[in-house]
All heavy atoms as atom14 arrays in JSON, in Angstrom:
{
  "sequence": "KFVAGLTDAELRGVVLHENYHKLYRHLRTWEHLWKEDAALANMAMDY",
  "atom14_mask": [
    [1, 1, 1, 1, 1, 1, 1, 1, 1, 0, 0, 0, 0, 0],
    [1, 1, 1, 1, 1, 1, 1, 1, 1, 1, 1, 0, 0, 0],
    [1, 1, 1, 1, 1, 1, 1, 0, 0, 0, 0, 0, 0, 0],
    [1, 1, 1, 1, 1, 0, 0, 0, 0, 0, 0, 0, 0, 0],
    [1, 1, 1, 1, 0, 0, 0, 0, 0, 0, 0, 0, 0, 0],
    [1, 1, 1, 1, 1, 1, 1, 1, 0, 0, 0, 0, 0, 0],
    [1, 1, 1, 1, 1, 1, 1, 0, 0, 0, 0, 0, 0, 0],
    [1, 1, 1, 1, 1, 1, 1, 1, 0, 0, 0, 0, 0, 0],
    [1, 1, 1, 1, 1, 0, 0, 0, 0, 0, 0, 0, 0, 0],
    [1, 1, 1, 1, 1, 1, 1, 1, 1, 0, 0, 0, 0, 0],
    [1, 1, 1, 1, 1, 1, 1, 1, 0, 0, 0, 0, 0, 0],
    [1, 1, 1, 1, 1, 1, 1, 1, 1, 1, 1, 0, 0, 0],
    [1, 1, 1, 1, 0, 0, 0, 0, 0, 0, 0, 0, 0, 0],
    [1, 1, 1, 1, 1, 1, 1, 0, 0, 0, 0, 0, 0, 0],
    [1, 1, 1, 1, 1, 1, 1, 0, 0, 0, 0, 0, 0, 0],
    [1, 1, 1, 1, 1, 1, 1, 1, 0, 0, 0, 0, 0, 0],
    [1, 1, 1, 1, 1, 1, 1, 1, 1, 1, 0, 0, 0, 0],
    [1, 1, 1, 1, 1, 1, 1, 1, 1, 0, 0, 0, 0, 0],
    [1, 1, 1, 1, 1, 1, 1, 1, 0, 0, 0, 0, 0, 0],
    [1, 1, 1, 1, 1, 1, 1, 1, 1, 1, 1, 1, 0, 0],
    [1, 1, 1, 1, 1, 1, 1, 1, 1, 1, 0, 0, 0, 0],
    [1, 1, 1, 1, 1, 1, 1, 1, 1, 0, 0, 0, 0, 0],
    [1, 1, 1, 1, 1, 1, 1, 1, 0, 0, 0, 0, 0, 0],
    [1, 1, 1, 1, 1, 1, 1, 1, 1, 1, 1, 1, 0, 0],
    [1, 1, 1, 1, 1, 1, 1, 1, 1, 1, 1, 0, 0, 0],
    [1, 1, 1, 1, 1, 1, 1, 1, 1, 1, 0, 0, 0, 0],
    [1, 1, 1, 1, 1, 1, 1, 1, 0, 0, 0, 0, 0, 0],
    [1, 1, 1, 1, 1, 1, 1, 1, 1, 1, 1, 0, 0, 0],
    [1, 1, 1, 1, 1, 1, 1, 0, 0, 0, 0, 0, 0, 0],
    [1, 1, 1, 1, 1, 1, 1, 1, 1, 1, 1, 1, 1, 1],
    [1, 1, 1, 1, 1, 1, 1, 1, 1, 0, 0, 0, 0, 0],
    [1, 1, 1, 1, 1, 1, 1, 1, 1, 1, 0, 0, 0, 0],
    [1, 1, 1, 1, 1, 1, 1, 1, 0, 0, 0, 0, 0, 0],
    [1, 1, 1, 1, 1, 1, 1, 1, 1, 1, 1, 1, 1, 1],
    [1, 1, 1, 1, 1, 1, 1, 1, 1, 0, 0, 0, 0, 0],
    [1, 1, 1, 1, 1, 1, 1, 1, 1, 0, 0, 0, 0, 0],
    [1, 1, 1, 1, 1, 1, 1, 1, 0, 0, 0, 0, 0, 0],
    [1, 1, 1, 1, 1, 0, 0, 0, 0, 0, 0, 0, 0, 0],
    [1, 1, 1, 1, 1, 0, 0, 0, 0, 0, 0, 0, 0, 0],
    [1, 1, 1, 1, 1, 1, 1, 1, 0, 0, 0, 0, 0, 0],
    [1, 1, 1, 1, 1, 0, 0, 0, 0, 0, 0, 0, 0, 0],
    [1, 1, 1, 1, 1, 1, 1, 1, 0, 0, 0, 0, 0, 0],
    [1, 1, 1, 1, 1, 1, 1, 1, 0, 0, 0, 0, 0, 0],
    [1, 1, 1, 1, 1, 0, 0, 0, 0, 0, 0, 0, 0, 0],
    [1, 1, 1, 1, 1, 1, 1, 1, 0, 0, 0, 0, 0, 0],
    [1, 1, 1, 1, 1, 1, 1, 1, 0, 0, 0, 0, 0, 0],
    [1, 1, 1, 1, 1, 1, 1, 1, 1, 1, 1, 1, 0, 0]
  ],
  "atom14_positions": [
    [[14.17, -6.65, 18.06], [15.43, -6.96, 18.73], [16.51, -5.94, 18.4], [17.36, -5.62, 19.24], [15.89, -8.37, 18.36], [15.03, -9.47, 18.96], [15.6, -10.85, 18.63], [14.75, -11.94, 19.26], [15.29, -13.3, 18.93], [0.0, 0.0, 0.0], [0.0, 0.0, 0.0], [0.0, 0.0, 0.0], [0.0, 0.0, 0.0], [0.0, 0.0, 0.0]],
    [[16.46, -5.42, 17.17], [17.42, -4.39, 16.76], [17.25, -3.15, 17.64], [18.22, -2.62, 18.19], [17.21, -4.05, 15.3], [18.08, -2.95, 14.76], [19.46, -3.11, 14.72], [17.53, -1.77, 14.29], [20.28, -2.1, 14.22], [18.33, -0.77, 13.79], [19.72, -0.93, 13.76], [0.0, 0.0, 0.0], [0.0, 0.0, 0.0], [0.0, 0.0, 0.0]],
    [[16.01, -2.69, 17.79], [15.74, -1.52, 18.61], [16.13, -1.78, 20.07], [16.7, -0.92, 20.74], [14.25, -1.12, 18.51], [13.89, -0.05, 19.55], [13.93, -0.61, 17.11], [0.0, 0.0, 0.0], [0.0, 0.0, 0.0], [0.0, 0.0, 0.0], [0.0, 0.0, 0.0], [0.0, 0.0, 0.0], [0.0, 0.0, 0.0], [0.0, 0.0, 0.0]],
    [[15.84, -2.98, 20.56], [16.14, -3.32, 21.95], [17.64, -3.24, 22.23], [18.05, -2.95, 23.36], [15.62, -4.71, 22.28], [0.0, 0.0, 0.0], [0.0, 0.0, 0.0], [0.0, 0.0, 0.0], [0.0, 0.0, 0.0], [0.0, 0.0, 0.0], [0.0, 0.0, 0.0], [0.0, 0.0, 0.0], [0.0, 0.0, 0.0], [0.0, 0.0, 0.0]],
    [[18.46, -3.46, 21.21], [19.9, -3.43, 21.4], [20.53, -2.07, 21.22], [21.75, -1.93, 21.37], [0.0, 0.0, 0.0], [0.0, 0.0, 0.0], [0.0, 0.0, 0.0], [0.0, 0.0, 0.0], [0.0, 0.0, 0.0], [0.0, 0.0, 0.0], [0.0, 0.0, 0.0], [0.0, 0.0, 0.0], [0.0, 0.0, 0.0], [0.0, 0.0, 0.0]],
    [[19.74, -1.04, 20.93], [20.26, 0.31, 20.7], [20.12, 1.17, 21.94], [19.15, 1.05, 22.69], [19.51, 0.98, 19.54], [19.59, 0.32, 18.17], [18.66, 1.05, 17.19], [21.0, 0.29, 17.64], [0.0, 0.0, 0.0], [0.0, 0.0, 0.0], [0.0, 0.0, 0.0], [0.0, 0.0, 0.0], [0.0, 0.0, 0.0], [0.0, 0.0, 0.0]],
    [[21.06, 2.07, 22.14], [20.89, 3.11, 23.14], [19.88, 4.12, 22.6], [19.54, 4.11, 21.41], [22.21, 3.83, 23.44], [22.62, 4.54, 22.25], [23.31, 2.84, 23.84], [0.0, 0.0, 0.0], [0.0, 0.0, 0.0], [0.0, 0.0, 0.0], [0.0, 0.0, 0.0], [0.0, 0.0, 0.0], [0.0, 0.0, 0.0], [0.0, 0.0, 0.0]],
    [[19.41, 5.01, 23.46], [18.46, 6.04, 23.0], [19.09, 6.91, 21.92], [18.43, 7.26, 20.93], [18.01, 6.91, 24.18], [17.05, 6.18, 25.1], [16.55, 5.1, 24.72], [16.8, 6.68, 26.22], [0.0, 0.0, 0.0], [0.0, 0.0, 0.0], [0.0, 0.0, 0.0], [0.0, 0.0, 0.0], [0.0, 0.0, 0.0], [0.0, 0.0, 0.0]],
    [[20.36, 7.27, 22.09], [21.04, 8.11, 21.09], [21.2, 7.37, 19.77], [21.04, 7.95, 18.69], [22.4, 8.56, 21.61], [0.0, 0.0, 0.0], [0.0, 0.0, 0.0], [0.0, 0.0, 0.0], [0.0, 0.0, 0.0], [0.0, 0.0, 0.0], [0.0, 0.0, 0.0], [0.0, 0.0, 0.0], [0.0, 0.0, 0.0], [0.0, 0.0, 0.0]],
    [[21.5, 6.07, 19.84], [21.61, 5.28, 18.61], [20.26, 5.15, 17.92], [20.2, 5.2, 16.69], [22.16, 3.89, 18.94], [23.65, 3.89, 19.29], [24.13, 2.54, 19.77], [23.3, 1.74, 20.24], [25.35, 2.29, 19.66], [0.0, 0.0, 0.0], [0.0, 0.0, 0.0], [0.0, 0.0, 0.0], [0.0, 0.0, 0.0], [0.0, 0.0, 0.0]],
    [[19.2, 4.98, 18.7], [17.87, 4.89, 18.09], [17.52, 6.18, 17.38], [16.96, 6.17, 16.27], [16.83, 4.55, 19.15], [15.38, 4.38, 18.65], [15.3, 3.39, 17.49], [14.47, 3.96, 19.79], [0.0, 0.0, 0.0], [0.0, 0.0, 0.0], [0.0, 0.0, 0.0], [0.0, 0.0, 0.0], [0.0, 0.0, 0.0], [0.0, 0.0, 0.0]],
    [[17.86, 7.31, 18.0], [17.63, 8.59, 17.3], [18.44, 8.66, 16.02], [17.98, 9.17, 15.0], [17.97, 9.77, 18.24], [16.99, 9.93, 19.39], [17.19, 11.25, 20.11], [18.41, 11.3, 20.91], [18.49, 10.94, 22.18], [17.42, 10.47, 22.82], [19.64, 11.03, 22.84], [0.0, 0.0, 0.0], [0.0, 0.0, 0.0], [0.0, 0.0, 0.0]],
    [[19.68, 8.14, 16.05], [20.5, 8.12, 14.85], [19.88, 7.28, 13.74], [19.9, 7.67, 12.56], [0.0, 0.0, 0.0], [0.0, 0.0, 0.0], [0.0, 0.0, 0.0], [0.0, 0.0, 0.0], [0.0, 0.0, 0.0], [0.0, 0.0, 0.0], [0.0, 0.0, 0.0], [0.0, 0.0, 0.0], [0.0, 0.0, 0.0], [0.0, 0.0, 0.0]],
    [[19.3, 6.14, 14.1], [18.67, 5.27, 13.11], [17.43, 5.94, 12.53], [17.19, 5.9, 11.32], [18.31, 3.91, 13.73], [17.49, 3.07, 12.76], [19.58, 3.15, 14.12], [0.0, 0.0, 0.0], [0.0, 0.0, 0.0], [0.0, 0.0, 0.0], [0.0, 0.0, 0.0], [0.0, 0.0, 0.0], [0.0, 0.0, 0.0], [0.0, 0.0, 0.0]],
    [[16.62, 6.56, 13.4], [15.41, 7.25, 12.91], [15.8, 8.38, 11.95], [15.18, 8.55, 10.89], [14.59, 7.81, 14.09], [13.45, 8.7, 13.59], [14.01, 6.66, 14.93], [0.0, 0.0, 0.0], [0.0, 0.0, 0.0], [0.0, 0.0, 0.0], [0.0, 0.0, 0.0], [0.0, 0.0, 0.0], [0.0, 0.0, 0.0], [0.0, 0.0, 0.0]],
    [[16.82, 9.13, 12.3], [17.3, 10.19, 11.4], [17.76, 9.59, 10.07], [17.46, 10.13, 8.99], [18.44, 10.96, 12.05], [18.04, 11.9, 13.19], [19.27, 12.38, 13.95], [17.25, 13.1, 12.66], [0.0, 0.0, 0.0], [0.0, 0.0, 0.0], [0.0, 0.0, 0.0], [0.0, 0.0, 0.0], [0.0, 0.0, 0.0], [0.0, 0.0, 0.0]],
    [[18.48, 8.51, 10.14], [18.99, 7.85, 8.93], [17.84, 7.48, 7.99], [17.89, 7.77, 6.79], [19.77, 6.6, 9.35], [20.36, 5.84, 8.21], [21.67, 6.01, 7.8], [19.83, 4.9, 7.39], [21.9, 5.21, 6.77], [20.8, 4.52, 6.49], [0.0, 0.0, 0.0], [0.0, 0.0, 0.0], [0.0, 0.0, 0.0], [0.0, 0.0, 0.0]],
    [[16.81, 6.84, 8.52], [15.68, 6.43, 7.68], [14.96, 7.64, 7.1], [14.49, 7.62, 5.96], [14.71, 5.56, 8.48], [15.32, 4.29, 9.07], [16.03, 3.43, 8.04], [15.59, 3.39, 6.87], [17.04, 2.81, 8.4], [0.0, 0.0, 0.0], [0.0, 0.0, 0.0], [0.0, 0.0, 0.0], [0.0, 0.0, 0.0], [0.0, 0.0, 0.0]],
    [[14.87, 8.71, 7.88], [14.14, 9.88, 7.4], [14.94, 10.7, 6.39], [14.35, 11.39, 5.56], [13.68, 10.73, 8.58], [12.39, 10.2, 9.17], [11.3, 10.52, 8.71], [12.5, 9.35, 10.18], [0.0, 0.0, 0.0], [0.0, 0.0, 0.0], [0.0, 0.0, 0.0], [0.0, 0.0, 0.0], [0.0, 0.0, 0.0], [0.0, 0.0, 0.0]],
    [[16.26, 10.62, 6.44], [17.04, 11.24, 5.38], [16.87, 10.47, 4.07], [16.87, 11.07, 2.99], [18.52, 11.34, 5.76], [18.82, 12.57, 6.59], [19.38, 12.48, 7.86], [18.56, 13.84, 6.08], [19.64, 13.6, 8.62], [18.82, 14.98, 6.82], [19.37, 14.86, 8.08], [19.63, 15.99, 8.83], [0.0, 0.0, 0.0], [0.0, 0.0, 0.0]],
    [[16.72, 9.14, 4.15], [16.39, 8.39, 2.93], [15.09, 8.95, 2.33], [14.97, 9.09, 1.11], [16.18, 6.91, 3.25], [17.44, 6.11, 3.37], [18.44, 6.15, 2.42], [17.86, 5.23, 4.32], [19.42, 5.33, 2.78], [19.09, 4.76, 3.92], [0.0, 0.0, 0.0], [0.0, 0.0, 0.0], [0.0, 0.0, 0.0], [0.0, 0.0, 0.0]],
    [[14.12, 9.23, 3.19], [12.84, 9.77, 2.73], [13.01, 11.18, 2.16], [12.5, 11.49, 1.08], [11.83, 9.76, 3.88], [11.39, 8.37, 4.3], [10.75, 8.34, 5.68], [9.52, 9.21, 5.79], [8.87, 9.05, 7.12], [0.0, 0.0, 0.0], [0.0, 0.0, 0.0], [0.0, 0.0, 0.0], [0.0, 0.0, 0.0], [0.0, 0.0, 0.0]],
    [[13.69, 12.03, 2.91], [13.87, 13.42, 2.48], [14.54, 13.5, 1.11], [14.11, 14.28, 0.25], [14.73, 14.17, 3.52], [15.11, 15.6, 3.16], [13.9, 16.51, 3.11], [16.15, 16.14, 4.16], [0.0, 0.0, 0.0], [0.0, 0.0, 0.0], [0.0, 0.0, 0.0], [0.0, 0.0, 0.0], [0.0, 0.0, 0.0], [0.0, 0.0, 0.0]],
    [[15.58, 12.68, 0.91], [16.32, 12.72, -0.35], [15.66, 11.88, -1.44], [16.19, 11.79, -2.54], [17.75, 12.24, -0.13], [18.56, 13.12, 0.79], [19.55, 12.58, 1.6], [18.34, 14.5, 0.83], [20.31, 13.39, 2.43], [19.09, 15.31, 1.66], [20.08, 14.75, 2.47], [20.82, 15.55, 3.29], [0.0, 0.0, 0.0], [0.0, 0.0, 0.0]],
    [[14.53, 11.26, -1.13], [13.8, 10.43, -2.1], [14.71, 9.38, -2.73], [14.65, 9.09, -3.93], [13.17, 11.31, -3.18], [12.23, 12.35, -2.65], [11.65, 13.18, -3.78], [11.96, 14.59, -3.58], [11.1, 15.59, -3.76], [9.88, 15.34, -4.14], [11.46, 16.82, -3.57], [0.0, 0.0, 0.0], [0.0, 0.0, 0.0], [0.0, 0.0, 0.0]],
    [[15.54, 8.8, -1.89], [16.56, 7.88, -2.38], [16.0, 6.7, -3.16], [16.57, 6.3, -4.18], [17.39, 7.35, -1.19], [18.53, 8.24, -0.85], [19.32, 8.07, 0.27], [19.04, 9.33, -1.48], [20.26, 9.01, 0.31], [20.1, 9.79, -0.73], [0.0, 0.0, 0.0], [0.0, 0.0, 0.0], [0.0, 0.0, 0.0], [0.0, 0.0, 0.0]],
    [[14.9, 6.15, -2.69], [14.41, 4.92, -3.31], [13.66, 5.18, -4.62], [13.28, 4.24, -5.31], [13.54, 4.12, -2.33], [14.36, 3.26, -1.36], [14.96, 4.1, -0.25], [13.56, 2.12, -0.79], [0.0, 0.0, 0.0], [0.0, 0.0, 0.0], [0.0, 0.0, 0.0], [0.0, 0.0, 0.0], [0.0, 0.0, 0.0], [0.0, 0.0, 0.0]],
    [[13.45, 6.43, -4.95], [12.94, 6.8, -6.27], [14.07, 7.31, -7.15], [14.25, 6.9, -8.29], [11.86, 7.89, -6.13], [10.55, 7.38, -5.58], [9.74, 6.7, -6.66], [8.51, 6.11, -6.12], [7.63, 5.46, -6.86], [7.83, 5.33, -8.15], [6.56, 4.94, -6.31], [0.0, 0.0, 0.0], [0.0, 0.0, 0.0], [0.0, 0.0, 0.0]],
    [[14.84, 8.24, -6.6], [15.89, 8.9, -7.38], [16.94, 7.92, -7.89], [17.4, 8.03, -9.03], [16.57, 9.98, -6.52], [15.59, 10.9, -6.05], [17.63, 10.72, -7.32], [0.0, 0.0, 0.0], [0.0, 0.0, 0.0], [0.0, 0.0, 0.0], [0.0, 0.0, 0.0], [0.0, 0.0, 0.0], [0.0, 0.0, 0.0], [0.0, 0.0, 0.0]],
    [[17.32, 6.96, -7.03], [18.43, 6.09, -7.38], [18.0, 4.66, -7.71], [18.8, 3.74, -7.61], [19.46, 6.09, -6.24], [19.92, 7.47, -5.9], [19.76, 8.12, -4.72], [20.62, 8.38, -6.76], [20.31, 9.38, -4.78], [20.84, 9.56, -6.03], [21.07, 8.3, -8.09], [21.5, 10.66, -6.57], [21.72, 9.4, -8.63], [21.93, 10.57, -7.87]],
    [[16.77, 4.51, -8.16], [16.28, 3.18, -8.53], [17.14, 2.56, -9.64], [17.39, 1.35, -9.65], [14.82, 3.26, -8.97], [14.21, 1.91, -9.3], [12.75, 2.04, -9.71], [12.18, 3.15, -9.64], [12.18, 1.0, -10.11], [0.0, 0.0, 0.0], [0.0, 0.0, 0.0], [0.0, 0.0, 0.0], [0.0, 0.0, 0.0], [0.0, 0.0, 0.0]],
    [[17.61, 3.39, -10.56], [18.42, 2.85, -11.67], [19.75, 2.31, -11.17], [20.29, 1.35, -11.72], [18.65, 3.91, -12.76], [19.45, 5.1, -12.32], [18.96, 6.07, -11.44], [20.72, 5.48, -12.62], [19.88, 6.99, -11.25], [20.96, 6.65, -11.94], [0.0, 0.0, 0.0], [0.0, 0.0, 0.0], [0.0, 0.0, 0.0], [0.0, 0.0, 0.0]],
    [[20.29, 2.91, -10.1], [21.53, 2.39, -9.52], [21.27, 1.06, -8.82], [22.1, 0.14, -8.89], [22.13, 3.39, -8.54], [22.55, 4.75, -9.1], [23.18, 5.6, -8.0], [23.52, 4.57, -10.27], [0.0, 0.0, 0.0], [0.0, 0.0, 0.0], [0.0, 0.0, 0.0], [0.0, 0.0, 0.0], [0.0, 0.0, 0.0], [0.0, 0.0, 0.0]],
    [[20.13, 0.97, -8.14], [19.76, -0.28, -7.48], [19.64, -1.41, -8.5], [20.07, -2.52, -8.26], [18.45, -0.08, -6.73], [17.84, -1.36, -6.22], [18.33, -2.19, -5.27], [16.61, -1.95, -6.66], [17.49, -3.25, -5.06], [16.42, -3.13, -5.92], [15.64, -1.57, -7.6], [15.31, -3.95, -6.09], [14.53, -2.39, -7.77], [14.38, -3.57, -7.02]],
    [[19.05, -1.11, -9.65], [18.89, -2.13, -10.68], [20.24, -2.55, -11.26], [20.42, -3.69, -11.68], [17.97, -1.62, -11.79], [16.52, -1.49, -11.35], [15.64, -0.96, -12.47], [14.18, -0.9, -12.04], [13.3, -0.35, -13.1], [0.0, 0.0, 0.0], [0.0, 0.0, 0.0], [0.0, 0.0, 0.0], [0.0, 0.0, 0.0], [0.0, 0.0, 0.0]],
    [[21.2, -1.62, -11.25], [22.53, -1.95, -11.76], [23.32, -2.78, -10.74], [23.95, -3.77, -11.1], [23.3, -0.67, -12.09], [24.7, -0.93, -12.61], [25.43, 0.36, -12.96], [24.79, 1.42, -13.02], [26.66, 0.28, -13.19], [0.0, 0.0, 0.0], [0.0, 0.0, 0.0], [0.0, 0.0, 0.0], [0.0, 0.0, 0.0], [0.0, 0.0, 0.0]],
    [[23.29, -2.36, -9.47], [24.02, -3.09, -8.42], [23.42, -2.69, -7.07], [23.7, -1.61, -6.55], [25.51, -2.76, -8.45], [26.34, -3.69, -7.58], [26.02, -3.81, -6.38], [27.29, -4.3, -8.1], [0.0, 0.0, 0.0], [0.0, 0.0, 0.0], [0.0, 0.0, 0.0], [0.0, 0.0, 0.0], [0.0, 0.0, 0.0], [0.0, 0.0, 0.0]],
    [[22.59, -3.55, -6.52], [21.83, -3.23, -5.31], [22.74, -2.92, -4.12], [22.53, -1.96, -3.39], [20.88, -4.37, -4.97], [0.0, 0.0, 0.0], [0.0, 0.0, 0.0], [0.0, 0.0, 0.0], [0.0, 0.0, 0.0], [0.0, 0.0, 0.0], [0.0, 0.0, 0.0], [0.0, 0.0, 0.0], [0.0, 0.0, 0.0], [0.0, 0.0, 0.0]],
    [[23.77, -3.75, -3.92], [24.63, -3.56, -2.76], [25.37, -2.23, -2.81], [25.45, -1.51, -1.81], [25.63, -4.72, -2.65], [0.0, 0.0, 0.0], [0.0, 0.0, 0.0], [0.0, 0.0, 0.0], [0.0, 0.0, 0.0], [0.0, 0.0, 0.0], [0.0, 0.0, 0.0], [0.0, 0.0, 0.0], [0.0, 0.0, 0.0], [0.0, 0.0, 0.0]],
    [[25.91, -1.89, -3.98], [26.64, -0.63, -4.1], [25.72, 0.57, -3.95], [26.09, 1.59, -3.36], [27.37, -0.56, -5.44], [28.48, -1.59, -5.69], [29.26, -1.22, -6.95], [29.42, -1.71, -4.51], [0.0, 0.0, 0.0], [0.0, 0.0, 0.0], [0.0, 0.0, 0.0], [0.0, 0.0, 0.0], [0.0, 0.0, 0.0], [0.0, 0.0, 0.0]],
    [[24.49, 0.47, -4.48], [23.53, 1.56, -4.32], [23.2, 1.77, -2.85], [23.15, 2.91, -2.36], [22.26, 1.26, -5.11], [0.0, 0.0, 0.0], [0.0, 0.0, 0.0], [0.0, 0.0, 0.0], [0.0, 0.0, 0.0], [0.0, 0.0, 0.0], [0.0, 0.0, 0.0], [0.0, 0.0, 0.0], [0.0, 0.0, 0.0], [0.0, 0.0, 0.0]],
    [[22.96, 0.69, -2.13], [22.67, 0.79, -0.7], [23.81, 1.45, 0.05], [23.59, 2.33, 0.9], [22.41, -0.61, -0.12], [21.14, -1.24, -0.64], [20.26, -0.55, -1.17], [21.03, -2.55, -0.5], [0.0, 0.0, 0.0], [0.0, 0.0, 0.0], [0.0, 0.0, 0.0], [0.0, 0.0, 0.0], [0.0, 0.0, 0.0], [0.0, 0.0, 0.0]],
    [[25.01, 1.02, -0.23], [26.17, 1.57, 0.45], [26.36, 3.05, 0.14], [26.63, 3.86, 1.02], [27.43, 0.78, 0.07], [27.42, -0.65, 0.56], [28.77, -1.64, -0.13], [30.18, -0.87, 0.68], [0.0, 0.0, 0.0], [0.0, 0.0, 0.0], [0.0, 0.0, 0.0], [0.0, 0.0, 0.0], [0.0, 0.0, 0.0], [0.0, 0.0, 0.0]],
    [[26.23, 3.4, -1.14], [26.44, 4.78, -1.55], [25.46, 5.73, -0.85], [25.86, 6.8, -0.36], [26.3, 4.9, -3.07], [0.0, 0.0, 0.0], [0.0, 0.0, 0.0], [0.0, 0.0, 0.0], [0.0, 0.0, 0.0], [0.0, 0.0, 0.0], [0.0, 0.0, 0.0], [0.0, 0.0, 0.0], [0.0, 0.0, 0.0], [0.0, 0.0, 0.0]],
    [[24.19, 5.34, -0.79], [23.2, 6.17, -0.1], [23.56, 6.35, 1.36], [23.44, 7.45, 1.91], [21.81, 5.55, -0.24], [21.28, 5.5, -1.65], [19.55, 4.97, -1.77], [19.58, 3.42, -0.88], [0.0, 0.0, 0.0], [0.0, 0.0, 0.0], [0.0, 0.0, 0.0], [0.0, 0.0, 0.0], [0.0, 0.0, 0.0], [0.0, 0.0, 0.0]],
    [[24.0, 5.26, 2.0], [24.32, 5.33, 3.42], [25.53, 6.21, 3.7], [25.57, 6.95, 4.69], [24.55, 3.93, 3.98], [23.25, 3.18, 4.2], [22.18, 3.73, 3.89], [23.3, 2.02, 4.68], [0.0, 0.0, 0.0], [0.0, 0.0, 0.0], [0.0, 0.0, 0.0], [0.0, 0.0, 0.0], [0.0, 0.0, 0.0], [0.0, 0.0, 0.0]],
    [[26.55, 6.12, 2.85], [27.72, 6.98, 3.04], [27.32, 8.46, 3.01], [27.82, 9.27, 3.8], [28.76, 6.71, 1.95], [29.7, 5.56, 2.26], [29.78, 4.46, 1.4], [30.53, 5.57, 3.38], [30.65, 3.41, 1.67], [31.4, 4.52, 3.65], [31.45, 3.45, 2.8], [32.31, 2.4, 3.05], [0.0, 0.0, 0.0], [0.0, 0.0, 0.0]]
  ]
}
C-alpha cells in the first residue's frame, strides 16, 4: 500500500534512500547508537 501511494519519482526516492542505508552500512556502523536510543539513531541516519 505504501508503494501504491507513491508517485514514480517518490518511489525512486525511497529506493535510493534504502540503498544509501546499505552503502553507508548504517545498520552495522551505528548499531551502538540504536542500542542507546533507537528513535534518535533512525532519525539521525535519515537526516
